[in-house]
C-alpha atoms as a PDB file:
ATOM      1  CA  MET A   1       0.000   0.000   0.000  1.00  0.00           C
ATOM      2  CA  SER A   2       1.410   3.402  -1.003  1.00  0.00           C
ATOM      3  CA  SER A   3       2.286   5.806   1.788  1.00  0.00           C
ATOM      4  CA  ASP A   4       1.029   8.629  -0.448  1.00  0.00           C
ATOM      5  CA  LYS A   5      -2.559   7.393  -0.219  1.00  0.00           C
ATOM      6  CA  PRO A   6      -4.545   9.665   2.096  1.00  0.00           C
ATOM      7  CA  SER A   7      -6.013   8.103   5.206  1.00  0.00           C
ATOM      8  CA  ARG A   8      -9.750   7.515   5.336  1.00  0.00           C
ATOM      9  CA  ARG A   9      -9.972  10.387   7.828  1.00  0.00           C
ATOM     10  CA  GLN A  10      -8.185  12.674   5.346  1.00  0.00           C
ATOM     11  CA  GLN A  11     -10.459  11.473   2.525  1.00  0.00           C
ATOM     12  CA  ILE A  12     -13.514  12.358   4.612  1.00  0.00           C
ATOM     13  CA  LEU A  13     -12.199  15.866   5.342  1.00  0.00           C
ATOM     14  CA  GLU A  14     -11.309  16.416   1.683  1.00  0.00           C
ATOM     15  CA  ALA A  15     -14.779  15.231   0.640  1.00  0.00           C
ATOM     16  CA  LEU A  16     -16.387  17.583   3.167  1.00  0.00           C
ATOM     17  CA  ALA A  17     -14.342  20.529   1.862  1.00  0.00           C
ATOM     18  CA  HIS A  18     -15.281  19.559  -1.710  1.00  0.00           C
ATOM     19  CA  GLU A  19     -18.977  19.280  -0.839  1.00  0.00           C
ATOM     20  CA  LEU A  20     -18.845  22.700   0.831  1.00  0.00           C
ATOM     21  CA  GLU A  21     -17.295  24.132  -2.324  1.00  0.00           C
ATOM     22  CA  THR A  22     -19.594  22.478  -4.860  1.00  0.00           C
ATOM     23  CA  SER A  23     -22.850  22.770  -2.918  1.00  0.00           C
ATOM     24  CA  PRO A  24     -22.962  26.394  -1.744  1.00  0.00           C
ATOM     25  CA  GLY A  25     -26.068  27.235   0.226  1.00  0.00           C
ATOM     26  CA  GLU A  26     -26.868  23.583   0.852  1.00  0.00           C
ATOM     27  CA  ARG A  27     -26.630  21.801   4.163  1.00  0.00           C
ATOM     28  CA  ILE A  28     -24.135  18.954   4.084  1.00  0.00           C
ATOM     29  CA  THR A  29     -25.584  15.688   5.361  1.00  0.00           C
ATOM     30  CA  THR A  30     -23.628  12.691   6.598  1.00  0.00           C
ATOM     31  CA  ALA A  31     -25.514  10.516   4.088  1.00  0.00           C
ATOM     32  CA  GLY A  32     -24.393  12.740   1.207  1.00  0.00           C
ATOM     33  CA  LEU A  33     -20.871  12.901   2.556  1.00  0.00           C
ATOM     34  CA  ALA A  34     -20.734   9.101   2.914  1.00  0.00           C
ATOM     35  CA  ARG A  35     -21.825   8.779  -0.740  1.00  0.00           C
ATOM     36  CA  ALA A  36     -19.129  11.256  -1.818  1.00  0.00           C
ATOM     37  CA  VAL A  37     -16.438   9.287   0.050  1.00  0.00           C
ATOM     38  CA  GLY A  38     -17.831   5.931  -1.090  1.00  0.00           C
ATOM     39  CA  VAL A  39     -18.425   4.528   2.386  1.00  0.00           C
ATOM     40  CA  SER A  40     -21.349   3.926   4.696  1.00  0.00           C
ATOM     41  CA  GLU A  41     -22.454   6.478   7.266  1.00  0.00           C
ATOM     42  CA  ALA A  42     -21.305   4.032   9.936  1.00  0.00           C
ATOM     43  CA  ALA A  43     -17.799   4.164   8.420  1.00  0.00           C
ATOM     44  CA  LEU A  44     -17.836   7.962   8.688  1.00  0.00           C
ATOM     45  CA  TYR A  45     -18.677   7.701  12.372  1.00  0.00           C
ATOM     46  CA  ARG A  46     -15.795   5.290  12.974  1.00  0.00           C
ATOM     47  CA  HIS A  47     -13.458   8.164  12.068  1.00  0.00           C
ATOM     48  CA  PHE A  48     -15.481  11.099  13.419  1.00  0.00           C
ATOM     49  CA  PRO A  49     -18.054  10.762  16.213  1.00  0.00           C
ATOM     50  CA  SER A  50     -20.157  13.596  14.720  1.00  0.00           C
ATOM     51  CA  LYS A  51     -20.427  15.960  11.796  1.00  0.00           C
ATOM     52  CA  ALA A  52     -19.295  18.761  14.102  1.00  0.00           C
ATOM     53  CA  LYS A  53     -16.019  16.853  14.632  1.00  0.00           C
ATOM     54  CA  MET A  54     -15.604  16.729  10.844  1.00  0.00           C
ATOM     55  CA  PHE A  55     -15.984  20.505  10.683  1.00  0.00           C
ATOM     56  CA  GLU A  56     -13.520  20.801  13.570  1.00  0.00           C
ATOM     57  CA  GLY A  57     -11.053  18.720  11.542  1.00  0.00           C
ATOM     58  CA  LEU A  58     -11.229  21.307   8.751  1.00  0.00           C
ATOM     59  CA  ILE A  59     -10.875  24.145  11.270  1.00  0.00           C
ATOM     60  CA  GLU A  60      -7.782  22.448  12.727  1.00  0.00           C
ATOM     61  CA  PHE A  61      -6.303  22.247   9.216  1.00  0.00           C
ATOM     62  CA  LEU A  62      -7.078  25.952   8.737  1.00  0.00           C
ATOM     63  CA  GLU A  63      -5.461  26.911  12.040  1.00  0.00           C
ATOM     64  CA  GLN A  64      -2.344  24.801  11.524  1.00  0.00           C
ATOM     65  CA  THR A  65      -1.821  26.097   7.998  1.00  0.00           C
ATOM     66  CA  VAL A  66      -2.497  29.784   8.603  1.00  0.00           C
ATOM     67  CA  PHE A  67      -0.697  30.104  11.933  1.00  0.00           C
ATOM     68  CA  GLY A  68       2.217  28.010  10.687  1.00  0.00           C
ATOM     69  CA  LEU A  69       2.694  30.449   7.791  1.00  0.00           C
ATOM     70  CA  ILE A  70       2.231  33.488  10.045  1.00  0.00           C
ATOM     71  CA  ASN A  71       4.860  32.167  12.457  1.00  0.00           C
ATOM     72  CA  ARG A  72       7.289  31.888   9.544  1.00  0.00           C
ATOM     73  CA  ILE A  73       6.534  35.475   8.526  1.00  0.00           C
ATOM     74  CA  LEU A  74       7.159  36.677  12.081  1.00  0.00           C
ATOM     75  CA  ALA A  75      10.467  34.794  12.170  1.00  0.00           C
ATOM     76  CA  ASP A  76      11.654  35.874   8.698  1.00  0.00           C
ATOM     77  CA  ASP A  77      10.533  39.485   8.380  1.00  0.00           C
ATOM     78  CA  ARG A  78      11.223  42.398  10.732  1.00  0.00           C
ATOM     79  CA  ASP A  79       9.444  45.176   8.801  1.00  0.00           C
ATOM     80  CA  VAL A  80       5.969  45.858  10.219  1.00  0.00           C
ATOM     81  CA  ALA A  81       4.378  46.851   6.888  1.00  0.00           C
ATOM     82  CA  ALA A  82       5.799  43.798   5.123  1.00  0.00           C
ATOM     83  CA  ARG A  83       4.640  41.546   7.955  1.00  0.00           C
ATOM     84  CA  CYS A  84       1.087  42.894   7.795  1.00  0.00           C
ATOM     85  CA  GLU A  85       1.001  42.634   4.000  1.00  0.00           C
ATOM     86  CA  ARG A  86       2.267  39.058   4.056  1.00  0.00           C
ATOM     87  CA  MET A  87      -0.160  38.077   6.816  1.00  0.00           C
ATOM     88  CA  MET A  88      -3.040  39.443   4.733  1.00  0.00           C
ATOM     89  CA  ALA A  89      -1.690  37.527   1.722  1.00  0.00           C
ATOM     90  CA  VAL A  90      -1.721  34.317   3.796  1.00  0.00           C
ATOM     91  CA  LEU A  91      -5.371  34.822   4.780  1.00  0.00           C
ATOM     92  CA  LEU A  92      -6.537  35.757   1.295  1.00  0.00           C
ATOM     93  CA  GLY A  93      -4.412  33.108  -0.417  1.00  0.00           C
ATOM     94  CA  PHE A  94      -5.668  30.373   1.906  1.00  0.00           C
ATOM     95  CA  SER A  95      -9.226  31.455   1.144  1.00  0.00           C
ATOM     96  CA  ALA A  96      -8.625  31.415  -2.619  1.00  0.00           C
ATOM     97  CA  ARG A  97      -7.159  27.891  -2.467  1.00  0.00           C
ATOM     98  CA  ASN A  98      -9.833  26.545  -0.098  1.00  0.00           C
ATOM     99  CA  PRO A  99     -13.298  27.767  -1.128  1.00  0.00           C
ATOM    100  CA  GLY A 100     -15.118  25.137   0.955  1.00  0.00           C
ATOM    101  CA  ILE A 101     -13.247  26.074   4.119  1.00  0.00           C
ATOM    102  CA  THR A 102     -13.881  29.742   3.304  1.00  0.00           C
ATOM    103  CA  ARG A 103     -17.593  28.980   3.689  1.00  0.00           C
ATOM    104  CA  ILE A 104     -16.772  27.898   7.248  1.00  0.00           C
ATOM    105  CA  LEU A 105     -14.656  31.024   7.814  1.00  0.00           C
ATOM    106  CA  VAL A 106     -17.505  33.363   6.912  1.00  0.00           C
ATOM    107  CA  GLY A 107     -20.096  31.307   8.799  1.00  0.00           C
ATOM    108  CA  ASP A 108     -22.114  30.373   5.722  1.00  0.00           C
ATOM    109  CA  ALA A 109     -21.556  26.633   6.172  1.00  0.00           C
ATOM    110  CA  LEU A 110     -22.177  26.744   9.918  1.00  0.00           C
ATOM    111  CA  VAL A 111     -25.840  27.783   9.782  1.00  0.00           C
ATOM    112  CA  GLY A 112     -27.745  25.136  11.683  1.00  0.00           C
ATOM    113  CA  GLU A 113     -24.585  23.582  13.102  1.00  0.00           C
ATOM    114  CA  THR A 114     -23.481  23.582  16.723  1.00  0.00           C
ATOM    115  CA  GLU A 115     -22.682  26.906  18.381  1.00  0.00           C
ATOM    116  CA  ARG A 116     -19.272  25.508  19.378  1.00  0.00           C
ATOM    117  CA  LEU A 117     -18.138  25.712  15.739  1.00  0.00           C
ATOM    118  CA  ARG A 118     -19.112  29.372  15.401  1.00  0.00           C
ATOM    119  CA  LEU A 119     -17.294  30.141  18.652  1.00  0.00           C
ATOM    120  CA  ARG A 120     -14.184  28.378  17.370  1.00  0.00           C
ATOM    121  CA  ILE A 121     -14.193  30.453  14.172  1.00  0.00           C
ATOM    122  CA  GLY A 122     -14.636  33.561  16.330  1.00  0.00           C
ATOM    123  CA  GLN A 123     -11.571  32.496  18.298  1.00  0.00           C
ATOM    124  CA  PHE A 124      -9.636  32.060  15.046  1.00  0.00           C
ATOM    125  CA  TYR A 125     -10.396  35.663  14.068  1.00  0.00           C
ATOM    126  CA  ASP A 126      -9.582  36.889  17.583  1.00  0.00           C
ATOM    127  CA  ARG A 127      -6.219  35.154  17.382  1.00  0.00           C
ATOM    128  CA  ILE A 128      -5.510  36.699  13.945  1.00  0.00           C
ATOM    129  CA  GLU A 129      -6.420  40.133  15.306  1.00  0.00           C
ATOM    130  CA  THR A 130      -4.105  39.581  18.283  1.00  0.00           C
ATOM    131  CA  GLN A 131      -1.279  38.686  15.880  1.00  0.00           C
ATOM    132  CA  PHE A 132      -1.858  41.922  13.971  1.00  0.00           C
ATOM    133  CA  LYS A 133      -1.901  43.909  17.235  1.00  0.00           C
ATOM    134  CA  GLN A 134       1.402  42.362  18.278  1.00  0.00           C
ATOM    135  CA  VAL A 135       3.033  43.235  14.954  1.00  0.00           C
ATOM    136  CA  LEU A 136       1.592  46.747  15.002  1.00  0.00           C
ATOM    137  CA  ARG A 137       2.699  47.391  18.596  1.00  0.00           C
ATOM    138  CA  GLU A 138       6.230  46.385  17.647  1.00  0.00           C
ATOM    139  CA  GLY A 139       5.981  48.760  14.685  1.00  0.00           C
ATOM    140  CA  GLU A 140       4.669  51.517  16.934  1.00  0.00           C
ATOM    141  CA  LEU A 141       7.654  51.088  19.272  1.00  0.00           C
ATOM    142  CA  ALA A 142       9.974  51.256  16.265  1.00  0.00           C
ATOM    143  CA  GLY A 143       8.250  54.454  15.016  1.00  0.00           C
ATOM    144  CA  ARG A 144       6.871  52.762  11.867  1.00  0.00           C
ATOM    145  CA  LEU A 145       3.167  53.659  12.306  1.00  0.00           C
ATOM    146  CA  ALA A 146       1.593  56.938  11.308  1.00  0.00           C
ATOM    147  CA  ASN A 147       1.671  59.331  14.253  1.00  0.00           C
ATOM    148  CA  GLY A 148      -1.110  58.461  16.724  1.00  0.00           C
ATOM    149  CA  ALA A 149      -2.343  55.465  14.695  1.00  0.00           C
ATOM    150  CA  PRO A 150      -4.610  53.353  16.953  1.00  0.00           C
ATOM    151  CA  VAL A 151      -3.177  49.815  17.014  1.00  0.00           C
ATOM    152  CA  ALA A 152      -6.421  48.048  18.022  1.00  0.00           C
ATOM    153  CA  ALA A 153      -8.443  49.876  15.360  1.00  0.00           C
ATOM    154  CA  ILE A 154      -5.905  49.052  12.643  1.00  0.00           C
ATOM    155  CA  ALA A 155      -5.755  45.380  13.610  1.00  0.00           C
ATOM    156  CA  ASN A 156      -9.547  45.205  13.529  1.00  0.00           C
ATOM    157  CA  LEU A 157      -9.638  46.972  10.135  1.00  0.00           C
ATOM    158  CA  LEU A 158      -7.222  44.419   8.667  1.00  0.00           C
ATOM    159  CA  VAL A 159      -9.238  41.468   9.972  1.00  0.00           C
ATOM    160  CA  ALA A 160     -12.514  43.035   8.791  1.00  0.00           C
ATOM    161  CA  SER A 161     -10.989  43.649   5.359  1.00  0.00           C
ATOM    162  CA  ALA A 162      -9.876  40.016   5.048  1.00  0.00           C
ATOM    163  CA  HIS A 163     -13.248  38.742   6.269  1.00  0.00           C
ATOM    164  CA  GLY A 164     -15.122  41.007   3.875  1.00  0.00           C
ATOM    165  CA  ARG A 165     -13.094  39.812   0.908  1.00  0.00           C
ATOM    166  CA  MET A 166     -13.752  36.181   1.917  1.00  0.00           C
ATOM    167  CA  ALA A 167     -17.476  36.884   2.271  1.00  0.00           C
ATOM    168  CA  GLN A 168     -17.484  38.473  -1.195  1.00  0.00           C
ATOM    169  CA  PHE A 169     -15.761  35.320  -2.540  1.00  0.00           C
ATOM    170  CA  VAL A 170     -18.498  33.101  -1.077  1.00  0.00           C
ATOM    171  CA  ARG A 171     -21.301  35.491  -2.078  1.00  0.00           C
ATOM    172  CA  SER A 172     -20.085  35.495  -5.701  1.00  0.00           C
ATOM    173  CA  GLY A 173     -20.216  31.704  -5.877  1.00  0.00           C
ATOM    174  CA  PHE A 174     -16.382  31.697  -5.780  1.00  0.00           C
ATOM    175  CA  LYS A 175     -16.119  33.836  -8.925  1.00  0.00           C
ATOM    176  CA  ARG A 176     -14.633  36.985  -7.307  1.00  0.00           C
ATOM    177  CA  GLN A 177     -11.331  35.864  -5.865  1.00  0.00           C
ATOM    178  CA  PRO A 178     -10.434  37.232  -2.421  1.00  0.00           C
ATOM    179  CA  THR A 179      -7.190  38.506  -3.961  1.00  0.00           C
ATOM    180  CA  GLU A 180      -8.988  40.433  -6.729  1.00  0.00           C
ATOM    181  CA  LEU A 181      -7.809  44.089  -6.809  1.00  0.00           C
ATOM    182  CA  TRP A 182      -5.772  43.479  -3.640  1.00  0.00           C
ATOM    183  CA  GLU A 183      -2.545  44.694  -5.258  1.00  0.00           C
ATOM    184  CA  GLN A 184      -4.197  48.094  -5.794  1.00  0.00           C
ATOM    185  CA  GLN A 185      -5.979  48.151  -2.441  1.00  0.00           C
ATOM    186  CA  TRP A 186      -3.090  47.223  -0.138  1.00  0.00           C
ATOM    187  CA  PRO A 187      -1.077  50.379  -0.938  1.00  0.00           C
ATOM    188  CA  LEU A 188      -4.132  52.490  -0.064  1.00  0.00           C
ATOM    189  CA  LEU A 189      -4.464  50.770   3.307  1.00  0.00           C
ATOM    190  CA  ALA A 190      -0.702  50.829   3.918  1.00  0.00           C
ATOM    191  CA  ARG A 191      -0.531  54.577   3.225  1.00  0.00           C
ATOM    192  CA  GLY A 192      -3.139  55.259   5.892  1.00  0.00           C
ATOM    193  CA  ILE A 193      -1.581  52.874   8.390  1.00  0.00           C
ATOM    194  CA  PHE A 194       2.130  53.387   7.905  1.00  0.00           C
ATOM    195  CA  GLY A 195       2.164  56.765   6.184  1.00  0.00           C
ATOM    196  CA  ALA A 196       4.129  55.174   3.367  1.00  0.00           C
END
């Protein structure tokens, strides 16, 4: 057996992400997911005790990927503006590559699901905002922010901008990429934030 073959658990998560992408606006059922994977519903439950745990598996993938990349940015780059730009690129790029998970990020796929999942996504955004605040505070101490720029307000603006672009991506049926026009928009934001 090839070691490259994804585990059944991985296949289930990939099928869930695919179903979220190809069935926007529809509720994903375990019966439909089992059909997509080619197993019985009982087989799904051997790997995940509930559909909420399947969603949590995708959220864990999101967190590991995004925060892993952000940690690399923080280790590799010292410039506050470059850090913020690259962190935004991570969020928007992840969204573009993972439309199904983007539905989870904007809450669209969580309608009717357990409140715990919505809280976990809220915690993801809180953690992103905290990362931005940390970077911005370091920039403030180094004199790299516009005079009197409010760190908390800027961090919130960046998170809201990323979320809005993701929501637009979902709303457009994945036609308007979250990175669309970003190259023109980032300099406008950066000028207001960093005075550059």
